[in-house]
PDB file of N, CA and C in Angstrom:
ATOM      1  N   MET A   1     -21.667  -8.231   5.370  1.00  0.00           N
ATOM      2  CA  MET A   1     -20.272  -7.844   5.200  1.00  0.00           C
ATOM      3  C   MET A   1     -19.383  -8.820   5.965  1.00  0.00           C
ATOM      4  N   THR A   2     -18.322  -9.231   5.322  1.00  0.00           N
ATOM      5  CA  THR A   2     -17.397 -10.182   5.926  1.00  0.00           C
ATOM      6  C   THR A   2     -16.535  -9.470   6.963  1.00  0.00           C
ATOM      7  N   PRO A   3     -16.395 -10.075   8.158  1.00  0.00           N
ATOM      8  CA  PRO A   3     -15.570  -9.421   9.185  1.00  0.00           C
ATOM      9  C   PRO A   3     -14.084  -9.404   8.805  1.00  0.00           C
ATOM     10  N   LEU A   4     -13.383  -8.468   9.403  1.00  0.00           N
ATOM     11  CA  LEU A   4     -11.955  -8.295   9.149  1.00  0.00           C
ATOM     12  C   LEU A   4     -11.169  -9.550   9.524  1.00  0.00           C
ATOM     13  N   ALA A   5     -11.593 -10.234  10.561  1.00  0.00           N
ATOM     14  CA  ALA A   5     -10.864 -11.419  11.024  1.00  0.00           C
ATOM     15  C   ALA A   5     -10.781 -12.497   9.952  1.00  0.00           C
ATOM     16  N   HIS A   6     -11.828 -12.641   9.147  1.00  0.00           N
ATOM     17  CA  HIS A   6     -11.805 -13.663   8.095  1.00  0.00           C
ATOM     18  C   HIS A   6     -10.736 -13.355   7.052  1.00  0.00           C
ATOM     19  N   TYR A   7     -10.615 -12.097   6.683  1.00  0.00           N
ATOM     20  CA  TYR A   7      -9.576 -11.710   5.723  1.00  0.00           C
ATOM     21  C   TYR A   7      -8.184 -11.909   6.309  1.00  0.00           C
ATOM     22  N   LEU A   8      -8.028 -11.594   7.583  1.00  0.00           N
ATOM     23  CA  LEU A   8      -6.718 -11.756   8.210  1.00  0.00           C
ATOM     24  C   LEU A   8      -6.350 -13.227   8.370  1.00  0.00           C
ATOM     25  N   ILE A   9      -7.326 -14.063   8.642  1.00  0.00           N
ATOM     26  CA  ILE A   9      -7.067 -15.501   8.730  1.00  0.00           C
ATOM     27  C   ILE A   9      -6.653 -16.042   7.367  1.00  0.00           C
ATOM     28  N   LEU A  10      -7.377 -15.639   6.312  1.00  0.00           N
ATOM     29  CA  LEU A  10      -7.009 -16.046   4.959  1.00  0.00           C
ATOM     30  C   LEU A  10      -5.605 -15.567   4.617  1.00  0.00           C
ATOM     31  N   SER A  11      -5.300 -14.335   4.947  1.00  0.00           N
ATOM     32  CA  SER A  11      -3.980 -13.787   4.682  1.00  0.00           C
ATOM     33  C   SER A  11      -2.899 -14.549   5.446  1.00  0.00           C
ATOM     34  N   GLY A  12      -3.167 -14.871   6.693  1.00  0.00           N
ATOM     35  CA  GLY A  12      -2.203 -15.630   7.490  1.00  0.00           C
ATOM     36  C   GLY A  12      -1.966 -17.022   6.944  1.00  0.00           C
ATOM     37  N   ILE A  13      -3.030 -17.681   6.480  1.00  0.00           N
ATOM     38  CA  ILE A  13      -2.879 -19.019   5.908  1.00  0.00           C
ATOM     39  C   ILE A  13      -2.062 -18.962   4.620  1.00  0.00           C
ATOM     40  N   LEU A  14      -2.380 -18.000   3.753  1.00  0.00           N
ATOM     41  CA  LEU A  14      -1.616 -17.859   2.508  1.00  0.00           C
ATOM     42  C   LEU A  14      -0.149 -17.552   2.788  1.00  0.00           C
ATOM     43  N   PHE A  15       0.096 -16.657   3.746  1.00  0.00           N
ATOM     44  CA  PHE A  15       1.477 -16.312   4.078  1.00  0.00           C
ATOM     45  C   PHE A  15       2.213 -17.523   4.641  1.00  0.00           C
ATOM     46  N   SER A  16       1.548 -18.308   5.479  1.00  0.00           N
ATOM     47  CA  SER A  16       2.188 -19.490   6.064  1.00  0.00           C
ATOM     48  C   SER A  16       2.513 -20.535   5.002  1.00  0.00           C
ATOM     49  N   ILE A  17       1.588 -20.760   4.067  1.00  0.00           N
ATOM     50  CA  ILE A  17       1.853 -21.706   2.987  1.00  0.00           C
ATOM     51  C   ILE A  17       3.020 -21.223   2.139  1.00  0.00           C
ATOM     52  N   GLY A  18       3.050 -19.928   1.843  1.00  0.00           N
ATOM     53  CA  GLY A  18       4.157 -19.375   1.064  1.00  0.00           C
ATOM     54  C   GLY A  18       5.484 -19.491   1.789  1.00  0.00           C
ATOM     55  N   LEU A  19       5.488 -19.201   3.072  1.00  0.00           N
ATOM     56  CA  LEU A  19       6.719 -19.302   3.857  1.00  0.00           C
ATOM     57  C   LEU A  19       7.209 -20.740   3.930  1.00  0.00           C
ATOM     58  N   ALA A  20       6.294 -21.680   4.124  1.00  0.00           N
ATOM     59  CA  ALA A  20       6.684 -23.087   4.146  1.00  0.00           C
ATOM     60  C   ALA A  20       7.261 -23.504   2.799  1.00  0.00           C
ATOM     61  N   GLY A  21       6.664 -23.027   1.725  1.00  0.00           N
ATOM     62  CA  GLY A  21       7.185 -23.362   0.401  1.00  0.00           C
ATOM     63  C   GLY A  21       8.569 -22.797   0.159  1.00  0.00           C
ATOM     64  N   VAL A  22       8.810 -21.585   0.622  1.00  0.00           N
ATOM     65  CA  VAL A  22      10.140 -20.985   0.464  1.00  0.00           C
ATOM     66  C   VAL A  22      11.181 -21.756   1.264  1.00  0.00           C
ATOM     67  N   LEU A  23      10.820 -22.189   2.456  1.00  0.00           N
ATOM     68  CA  LEU A  23      11.782 -22.869   3.318  1.00  0.00           C
ATOM     69  C   LEU A  23      12.003 -24.332   2.935  1.00  0.00           C
ATOM     70  N   ILE A  24      10.993 -24.985   2.377  1.00  0.00           N
ATOM     71  CA  ILE A  24      11.073 -26.430   2.143  1.00  0.00           C
ATOM     72  C   ILE A  24      11.502 -26.770   0.715  1.00  0.00           C
ATOM     73  N   ARG A  25      10.956 -26.085  -0.260  1.00  0.00           N
ATOM     74  CA  ARG A  25      11.161 -26.474  -1.654  1.00  0.00           C
ATOM     75  C   ARG A  25      12.563 -26.109  -2.145  1.00  0.00           C
ATOM     76  N   LYS A  26      13.052 -26.890  -3.110  1.00  0.00           N
ATOM     77  CA  LYS A  26      14.377 -26.638  -3.680  1.00  0.00           C
ATOM     78  C   LYS A  26      14.298 -26.058  -5.085  1.00  0.00           C
ATOM     79  N   ASN A  27      13.189 -26.242  -5.767  1.00  0.00           N
ATOM     80  CA  ASN A  27      13.028 -25.722  -7.117  1.00  0.00           C
ATOM     81  C   ASN A  27      12.820 -24.209  -7.037  1.00  0.00           C
ATOM     82  N   ILE A  28      13.641 -23.458  -7.738  1.00  0.00           N
ATOM     83  CA  ILE A  28      13.619 -22.004  -7.619  1.00  0.00           C
ATOM     84  C   ILE A  28      12.329 -21.418  -8.190  1.00  0.00           C
ATOM     85  N   ILE A  29      11.758 -22.049  -9.199  1.00  0.00           N
ATOM     86  CA  ILE A  29      10.502 -21.551  -9.757  1.00  0.00           C
ATOM     87  C   ILE A  29       9.385 -21.666  -8.726  1.00  0.00           C
ATOM     88  N   VAL A  30       9.347 -22.751  -7.994  1.00  0.00           N
ATOM     89  CA  VAL A  30       8.346 -22.920  -6.940  1.00  0.00           C
ATOM     90  C   VAL A  30       8.591 -21.917  -5.807  1.00  0.00           C
ATOM     91  N   VAL A  31       9.841 -21.656  -5.520  1.00  0.00           N
ATOM     92  CA  VAL A  31      10.168 -20.668  -4.483  1.00  0.00           C
ATOM     93  C   VAL A  31       9.664 -19.290  -4.894  1.00  0.00           C
ATOM     94  N   PHE A  32       9.838 -18.929  -6.173  1.00  0.00           N
ATOM     95  CA  PHE A  32       9.311 -17.646  -6.650  1.00  0.00           C
ATOM     96  C   PHE A  32       7.792 -17.592  -6.548  1.00  0.00           C
ATOM     97  N   MET A  33       7.132 -18.700  -6.874  1.00  0.00           N
ATOM     98  CA  MET A  33       5.671 -18.721  -6.757  1.00  0.00           C
ATOM     99  C   MET A  33       5.240 -18.558  -5.304  1.00  0.00           C
ATOM    100  N   CYS A  34       5.983 -19.141  -4.392  1.00  0.00           N
ATOM    101  CA  CYS A  34       5.664 -18.998  -2.968  1.00  0.00           C
ATOM    102  C   CYS A  34       5.916 -17.574  -2.489  1.00  0.00           C
ATOM    103  N   LEU A  35       6.949 -16.933  -3.005  1.00  0.00           N
ATOM    104  CA  LEU A  35       7.189 -15.529  -2.667  1.00  0.00           C
ATOM    105  C   LEU A  35       6.037 -14.653  -3.162  1.00  0.00           C
ATOM    106  N   GLU A  36       5.541 -14.943  -4.346  1.00  0.00           N
ATOM    107  CA  GLU A  36       4.390 -14.200  -4.865  1.00  0.00           C
ATOM    108  C   GLU A  36       3.155 -14.433  -4.000  1.00  0.00           C
ATOM    109  N   MET A  37       3.000 -15.644  -3.485  1.00  0.00           N
ATOM    110  CA  MET A  37       1.878 -15.934  -2.599  1.00  0.00           C
ATOM    111  C   MET A  37       1.989 -15.123  -1.307  1.00  0.00           C
ATOM    112  N   MET A  38       3.209 -14.967  -0.806  1.00  0.00           N
ATOM    113  CA  MET A  38       3.414 -14.167   0.400  1.00  0.00           C
ATOM    114  C   MET A  38       3.097 -12.693   0.140  1.00  0.00           C
ATOM    115  N   LEU A  39       3.470 -12.192  -1.027  1.00  0.00           N
ATOM    116  CA  LEU A  39       3.139 -10.808  -1.366  1.00  0.00           C
ATOM    117  C   LEU A  39       1.631 -10.630  -1.526  1.00  0.00           C
ATOM    118  N   SER A  40       0.961 -11.624  -2.080  1.00  0.00           N
ATOM    119  CA  SER A  40      -0.498 -11.555  -2.210  1.00  0.00           C
ATOM    120  C   SER A  40      -1.168 -11.548  -0.837  1.00  0.00           C
ATOM    121  N   ALA A  41      -0.616 -12.304   0.103  1.00  0.00           N
ATOM    122  CA  ALA A  41      -1.157 -12.303   1.459  1.00  0.00           C
ATOM    123  C   ALA A  41      -1.014 -10.918   2.095  1.00  0.00           C
ATOM    124  N   ALA A  42       0.113 -10.282   1.864  1.00  0.00           N
ATOM    125  CA  ALA A  42       0.300  -8.922   2.389  1.00  0.00           C
ATOM    126  C   ALA A  42      -0.684  -7.950   1.741  1.00  0.00           C
ATOM    127  N   ASN A  43      -0.934  -8.120   0.446  1.00  0.00           N
ATOM    128  CA  ASN A  43      -1.900  -7.261  -0.238  1.00  0.00           C
ATOM    129  C   ASN A  43      -3.308  -7.455   0.309  1.00  0.00           C
ATOM    130  N   ILE A  44      -3.682  -8.684   0.581  1.00  0.00           N
ATOM    131  CA  ILE A  44      -5.007  -8.948   1.154  1.00  0.00           C
ATOM    132  C   ILE A  44      -5.146  -8.246   2.498  1.00  0.00           C
ATOM    133  N   SER A  45      -4.108  -8.308   3.309  1.00  0.00           N
ATOM    134  CA  SER A  45      -4.151  -7.637   4.617  1.00  0.00           C
ATOM    135  C   SER A  45      -4.276  -6.130   4.465  1.00  0.00           C
ATOM    136  N   LEU A  46      -3.504  -5.555   3.548  1.00  0.00           N
ATOM    137  CA  LEU A  46      -3.564  -4.106   3.342  1.00  0.00           C
ATOM    138  C   LEU A  46      -4.955  -3.659   2.903  1.00  0.00           C
ATOM    139  N   VAL A  47      -5.526  -4.364   1.945  1.00  0.00           N
ATOM    140  CA  VAL A  47      -6.842  -3.979   1.446  1.00  0.00           C
ATOM    141  C   VAL A  47      -7.910  -4.213   2.511  1.00  0.00           C
ATOM    142  N   ALA A  48      -7.787  -5.283   3.282  1.00  0.00           N
ATOM    143  CA  ALA A  48      -8.761  -5.549   4.347  1.00  0.00           C
ATOM    144  C   ALA A  48      -8.709  -4.460   5.414  1.00  0.00           C
ATOM    145  N   PHE A  49      -7.507  -4.037   5.789  1.00  0.00           N
ATOM    146  CA  PHE A  49      -7.394  -2.968   6.779  1.00  0.00           C
ATOM    147  C   PHE A  49      -7.906  -1.642   6.236  1.00  0.00           C
ATOM    148  N   SER A  50      -7.698  -1.411   4.939  1.00  0.00           N
ATOM    149  CA  SER A  50      -8.208  -0.162   4.376  1.00  0.00           C
ATOM    150  C   SER A  50      -9.730  -0.156   4.376  1.00  0.00           C
ATOM    151  N   ARG A  51     -10.348  -1.294   4.141  1.00  0.00           N
ATOM    152  CA  ARG A  51     -11.806  -1.356   4.190  1.00  0.00           C
ATOM    153  C   ARG A  51     -12.315  -1.222   5.631  1.00  0.00           C
ATOM    154  N   ALA A  52     -11.578  -1.780   6.579  1.00  0.00           N
ATOM    155  CA  ALA A  52     -12.014  -1.727   7.974  1.00  0.00           C
ATOM    156  C   ALA A  52     -11.836  -0.340   8.572  1.00  0.00           C
ATOM    157  N   GLN A  53     -10.857   0.427   8.107  1.00  0.00           N
ATOM    158  CA  GLN A  53     -10.601   1.758   8.641  1.00  0.00           C
ATOM    159  C   GLN A  53     -11.532   2.808   8.077  1.00  0.00           C
ATOM    160  N   GLY A  54     -12.203   2.489   6.994  1.00  0.00           N
ATOM    161  CA  GLY A  54     -13.038   3.478   6.320  1.00  0.00           C
ATOM    162  C   GLY A  54     -14.179   3.964   7.201  1.00  0.00           C
ATOM    163  N   THR A  55     -14.644   5.154   6.901  1.00  0.00           N
ATOM    164  CA  THR A  55     -15.774   5.721   7.619  1.00  0.00           C
ATOM    165  C   THR A  55     -16.963   5.813   6.684  1.00  0.00           C
ATOM    166  N   GLU A  56     -18.107   5.426   7.166  1.00  0.00           N
ATOM    167  CA  GLU A  56     -19.361   5.473   6.420  1.00  0.00           C
ATOM    168  C   GLU A  56     -19.280   4.715   5.103  1.00  0.00           C
ATOM    169  N   GLY A  57     -18.605   3.584   5.103  1.00  0.00           N
ATOM    170  CA  GLY A  57     -18.514   2.750   3.916  1.00  0.00           C
ATOM    171  C   GLY A  57     -17.495   3.189   2.884  1.00  0.00           C
ATOM    172  N   VAL A  58     -16.796   4.299   3.124  1.00  0.00           N
ATOM    173  CA  VAL A  58     -15.783   4.776   2.187  1.00  0.00           C
ATOM    174  C   VAL A  58     -14.423   4.317   2.698  1.00  0.00           C
ATOM    175  N   PRO A  59     -13.700   3.506   1.918  1.00  0.00           N
ATOM    176  CA  PRO A  59     -12.413   2.997   2.398  1.00  0.00           C
ATOM    177  C   PRO A  59     -11.329   4.060   2.345  1.00  0.00           C
ATOM    178  N   VAL A  60     -10.275   3.816   3.092  1.00  0.00           N
ATOM    179  CA  VAL A  60      -9.067   4.634   3.016  1.00  0.00           C
ATOM    180  C   VAL A  60      -8.247   4.062   1.866  1.00  0.00           C
ATOM    181  N   TYR A  61      -7.892   4.897   0.910  1.00  0.00           N
ATOM    182  CA  TYR A  61      -7.269   4.387  -0.305  1.00  0.00           C
ATOM    183  C   TYR A  61      -5.750   4.301  -0.243  1.00  0.00           C
ATOM    184  N   ASP A  62      -5.116   4.806   0.775  1.00  0.00           N
ATOM    185  CA  ASP A  62      -3.652   4.750   0.857  1.00  0.00           C
ATOM    186  C   ASP A  62      -3.119   3.315   0.842  1.00  0.00           C
ATOM    187  N   PRO A  63      -3.651   2.389   1.657  1.00  0.00           N
ATOM    188  CA  PRO A  63      -3.144   1.010   1.587  1.00  0.00           C
ATOM    189  C   PRO A  63      -3.421   0.343   0.245  1.00  0.00           C
ATOM    190  N   GLN A  64      -4.510   0.718  -0.422  1.00  0.00           N
ATOM    191  CA  GLN A  64      -4.804   0.115  -1.712  1.00  0.00           C
ATOM    192  C   GLN A  64      -3.827   0.601  -2.779  1.00  0.00           C
ATOM    193  N   VAL A  65      -3.409   1.851  -2.688  1.00  0.00           N
ATOM    194  CA  VAL A  65      -2.389   2.368  -3.612  1.00  0.00           C
ATOM    195  C   VAL A  65      -1.062   1.672  -3.343  1.00  0.00           C
ATOM    196  N   LEU A  66      -0.722   1.472  -2.077  1.00  0.00           N
ATOM    197  CA  LEU A  66       0.491   0.739  -1.729  1.00  0.00           C
ATOM    198  C   LEU A  66       0.427  -0.689  -2.267  1.00  0.00           C
ATOM    199  N   SER A  67      -0.754  -1.272  -2.248  1.00  0.00           N
ATOM    200  CA  SER A  67      -0.938  -2.613  -2.789  1.00  0.00           C
ATOM    201  C   SER A  67      -0.641  -2.655  -4.283  1.00  0.00           C
ATOM    202  N   LEU A  68      -1.029  -1.621  -5.009  1.00  0.00           N
ATOM    203  CA  LEU A  68      -0.713  -1.565  -6.441  1.00  0.00           C
ATOM    204  C   LEU A  68       0.790  -1.456  -6.675  1.00  0.00           C
ATOM    205  N   PHE A  69       1.477  -0.693  -5.835  1.00  0.00           N
ATOM    206  CA  PHE A  69       2.931  -0.609  -5.954  1.00  0.00           C
ATOM    207  C   PHE A  69       3.585  -1.961  -5.670  1.00  0.00           C
ATOM    208  N   ILE A  70       3.045  -2.704  -4.719  1.00  0.00           N
ATOM    209  CA  ILE A  70       3.581  -4.031  -4.415  1.00  0.00           C
ATOM    210  C   ILE A  70       3.415  -4.956  -5.607  1.00  0.00           C
ATOM    211  N   VAL A  71       2.282  -4.883  -6.274  1.00  0.00           N
ATOM    212  CA  VAL A  71       2.053  -5.709  -7.464  1.00  0.00           C
ATOM    213  C   VAL A  71       3.045  -5.334  -8.570  1.00  0.00           C
ATOM    214  N   ALA A  72       3.294  -4.049  -8.758  1.00  0.00           N
ATOM    215  CA  ALA A  72       4.245  -3.609  -9.791  1.00  0.00           C
ATOM    216  C   ALA A  72       5.661  -4.074  -9.471  1.00  0.00           C
ATOM    217  N   ILE A  73       6.055  -3.967  -8.216  1.00  0.00           N
ATOM    218  CA  ILE A  73       7.388  -4.423  -7.810  1.00  0.00           C
ATOM    219  C   ILE A  73       7.501  -5.930  -7.944  1.00  0.00           C
ATOM    220  N   ALA A  74       6.430  -6.656  -7.628  1.00  0.00           N
ATOM    221  CA  ALA A  74       6.446  -8.110  -7.769  1.00  0.00           C
ATOM    222  C   ALA A  74       6.591  -8.515  -9.230  1.00  0.00           C
ATOM    223  N   ALA A  75       5.967  -7.776 -10.138  1.00  0.00           N
ATOM    224  CA  ALA A  75       6.105  -8.078 -11.567  1.00  0.00           C
ATOM    225  C   ALA A  75       7.544  -7.861 -12.024  1.00  0.00           C
ATOM    226  N   ALA A  76       8.164  -6.797 -11.555  1.00  0.00           N
ATOM    227  CA  ALA A  76       9.566  -6.553 -11.902  1.00  0.00           C
ATOM    228  C   ALA A  76      10.465  -7.636 -11.311  1.00  0.00           C
ATOM    229  N   GLU A  77      10.159  -8.054 -10.092  1.00  0.00           N
ATOM    230  CA  GLU A  77      10.940  -9.106  -9.446  1.00  0.00           C
ATOM    231  C   GLU A  77      10.854 -10.403 -10.231  1.00  0.00           C
ATOM    232  N   VAL A  78       9.663 -10.734 -10.699  1.00  0.00           N
ATOM    233  CA  VAL A  78       9.490 -11.967 -11.461  1.00  0.00           C
ATOM    234  C   VAL A  78      10.245 -11.898 -12.783  1.00  0.00           C
ATOM    235  N   ALA A  79      10.202 -10.763 -13.453  1.00  0.00           N
ATOM    236  CA  ALA A  79      10.911 -10.632 -14.730  1.00  0.00           C
ATOM    237  C   ALA A  79      12.408 -10.819 -14.546  1.00  0.00           C
ATOM    238  N   ILE A  80      12.965 -10.192 -13.539  1.00  0.00           N
ATOM    239  CA  ILE A  80      14.398 -10.326 -13.283  1.00  0.00           C
ATOM    240  C   ILE A  80      14.728 -11.729 -12.780  1.00  0.00           C
ATOM    241  N   GLY A  81      13.899 -12.242 -11.913  1.00  0.00           N
ATOM    242  CA  GLY A  81      14.125 -13.582 -11.374  1.00  0.00           C
ATOM    243  C   GLY A  81      14.068 -14.658 -12.434  1.00  0.00           C
ATOM    244  N   LEU A  82      13.096 -14.576 -13.329  1.00  0.00           N
ATOM    245  CA  LEU A  82      13.016 -15.579 -14.386  1.00  0.00           C
ATOM    246  C   LEU A  82      14.196 -15.474 -15.347  1.00  0.00           C
ATOM    247  N   ALA A  83      14.678 -14.266 -15.590  1.00  0.00           N
ATOM    248  CA  ALA A  83      15.876 -14.122 -16.417  1.00  0.00           C
ATOM    249  C   ALA A  83      17.077 -14.788 -15.747  1.00  0.00           C
ATOM    250  N   LEU A  84      17.195 -14.627 -14.435  1.00  0.00           N
ATOM    251  CA  LEU A  84      18.289 -15.286 -13.710  1.00  0.00           C
ATOM    252  C   LEU A  84      18.136 -16.802 -13.718  1.00  0.00           C
ATOM    253  N   ILE A  85      16.898 -17.279 -13.624  1.00  0.00           N
ATOM    254  CA  ILE A  85      16.671 -18.726 -13.656  1.00  0.00           C
ATOM    255  C   ILE A  85      17.037 -19.301 -15.016  1.00  0.00           C
ATOM    256  N   VAL A  86      16.662 -18.598 -16.087  1.00  0.00           N
ATOM    257  CA  VAL A  86      17.024 -19.073 -17.428  1.00  0.00           C
ATOM    258  C   VAL A  86      18.543 -19.091 -17.592  1.00  0.00           C
ATOM    259  N   ALA A  87      19.218 -18.065 -17.106  1.00  0.00           N
ATOM    260  CA  ALA A  87      20.682 -18.039 -17.193  1.00  0.00           C
ATOM    261  C   ALA A  87      21.304 -19.170 -16.380  1.00  0.00           C
ATOM    262  N   MET A  88      20.745 -19.431 -15.197  1.00  0.00           N
ATOM    263  CA  MET A  88      21.264 -20.517 -14.374  1.00  0.00           C
ATOM    264  C   MET A  88      21.015 -21.865 -15.042  1.00  0.00           C
ATOM    265  N   PHE A  89      19.840 -22.037 -15.656  1.00  0.00           N
ATOM    266  CA  PHE A  89      19.544 -23.303 -16.314  1.00  0.00           C
ATOM    267  C   PHE A  89      20.486 -23.544 -17.489  1.00  0.00           C
ATOM    268  N   ARG A  90      20.806 -22.485 -18.214  1.00  0.00           N
ATOM    269  CA  ARG A  90      21.735 -22.633 -19.337  1.00  0.00           C
ATOM    270  C   ARG A  90      23.134 -23.001 -18.859  1.00  0.00           C
ATOM    271  N   ALA A  91      23.534 -22.469 -17.715  1.00  0.00           N
ATOM    272  CA  ALA A  91      24.885 -22.742 -17.210  1.00  0.00           C
ATOM    273  C   ALA A  91      24.975 -24.065 -16.463  1.00  0.00           C
ATOM    274  N   ARG A  92      23.955 -24.379 -15.655  1.00  0.00           N
ATOM    275  CA  ARG A  92      24.032 -25.545 -14.765  1.00  0.00           C
ATOM    276  C   ARG A  92      23.134 -26.707 -15.171  1.00  0.00           C
ATOM    277  N   LYS A  93      22.226 -26.490 -16.110  1.00  0.00           N
ATOM    278  CA  LYS A  93      21.258 -27.497 -16.548  1.00  0.00           C
ATOM    279  C   LYS A  93      20.365 -27.982 -15.411  1.00  0.00           C
ATOM    280  N   SER A  94      20.090 -27.075 -14.465  1.00  0.00           N
ATOM    281  CA  SER A  94      19.228 -27.398 -13.329  1.00  0.00           C
ATOM    282  C   SER A  94      18.653 -26.107 -12.763  1.00  0.00           C
ATOM    283  N   VAL A  95      17.452 -26.208 -12.189  1.00  0.00           N
ATOM    284  CA  VAL A  95      16.853 -25.057 -11.513  1.00  0.00           C
ATOM    285  C   VAL A  95      16.692 -25.334 -10.020  1.00  0.00           C
ATOM    286  N   GLU A  96      17.443 -26.293  -9.521  1.00  0.00           N
ATOM    287  CA  GLU A  96      17.409 -26.592  -8.092  1.00  0.00           C
ATOM    288  C   GLU A  96      18.300 -25.611  -7.349  1.00  0.00           C
ATOM    289  N   SER A  97      17.872 -25.224  -6.150  1.00  0.00           N
ATOM    290  CA  SER A  97      18.635 -24.234  -5.384  1.00  0.00           C
ATOM    291  C   SER A  97      19.978 -24.811  -4.903  1.00  0.00           C
ATOM    292  N   THR A  98      20.100 -26.118  -4.825  1.00  0.00           N
ATOM    293  CA  THR A  98      21.378 -26.706  -4.398  1.00  0.00           C
ATOM    294  C   THR A  98      22.442 -26.579  -5.480  1.00  0.00           C
ATOM    295  N   ALA A  99      22.027 -26.307  -6.720  1.00  0.00           N
ATOM    296  CA  ALA A  99      22.990 -26.179  -7.820  1.00  0.00           C
ATOM    297  C   ALA A  99      23.711 -24.838  -7.796  1.00  0.00           C
ATOM    298  N   ILE A 100      23.241 -23.898  -7.013  1.00  0.00           N
ATOM    299  CA  ILE A 100      23.866 -22.579  -7.004  1.00  0.00           C
ATOM    300  C   ILE A 100      24.627 -22.306  -5.715  1.00  0.00           C
ATOM    301  N   THR A 101      25.094 -23.357  -5.065  1.00  0.00           N
ATOM    302  CA  THR A 101      25.813 -23.165  -3.810  1.00  0.00           C
ATOM    303  C   THR A 101      27.227 -22.650  -4.027  1.00  0.00           C
ATOM    304  N   THR A 102      27.771 -22.871  -5.207  1.00  0.00           N
ATOM    305  CA  THR A 102      29.104 -22.367  -5.506  1.00  0.00           C
ATOM    306  C   THR A 102      29.024 -21.353  -6.629  1.00  0.00           C
ATOM    307  N   LEU A 103      29.907 -20.400  -6.620  1.00  0.00           N
ATOM    308  CA  LEU A 103      29.922 -19.369  -7.648  1.00  0.00           C
ATOM    309  C   LEU A 103      30.747 -19.796  -8.862  1.00  0.00           C
ATOM    310  N   LYS A 104      31.622 -20.739  -8.674  1.00  0.00           N
ATOM    311  CA  LYS A 104      32.520 -21.126  -9.737  1.00  0.00           C
ATOM    312  C   LYS A 104      32.098 -22.491 -10.291  1.00  0.00           C
ATOM    313  N   ASP A 105      32.190 -22.647 -11.610  1.00  0.00           N
ATOM    314  CA  ASP A 105      31.884 -23.947 -12.234  1.00  0.00           C
ATOM    315  C   ASP A 105      32.919 -24.910 -11.859  1.00  0.00           C
TER     316      ASP A 105
END
């Protein structure tokens, strides 16, 4: 059985890569992908803790149910976000975050 620390290290690395991508990149599509990576890192942590808290090999399912809700919310976020990106591309002909610094054309 893999120790909890390995899952937490993986989760921390994924979260750090996602955070760096959000802070560094200018392309909004890449920023959304990095946000999804950060949510996946949180899901890995939740599921790892639920497995570690279990007794006699039976996991606690509350964090895993919360993980499913996070996935559903992330799907809704992507649908709305991509619609906003398409609208921005039609208006500004760019998906760079620097193109949306002003509200007025």
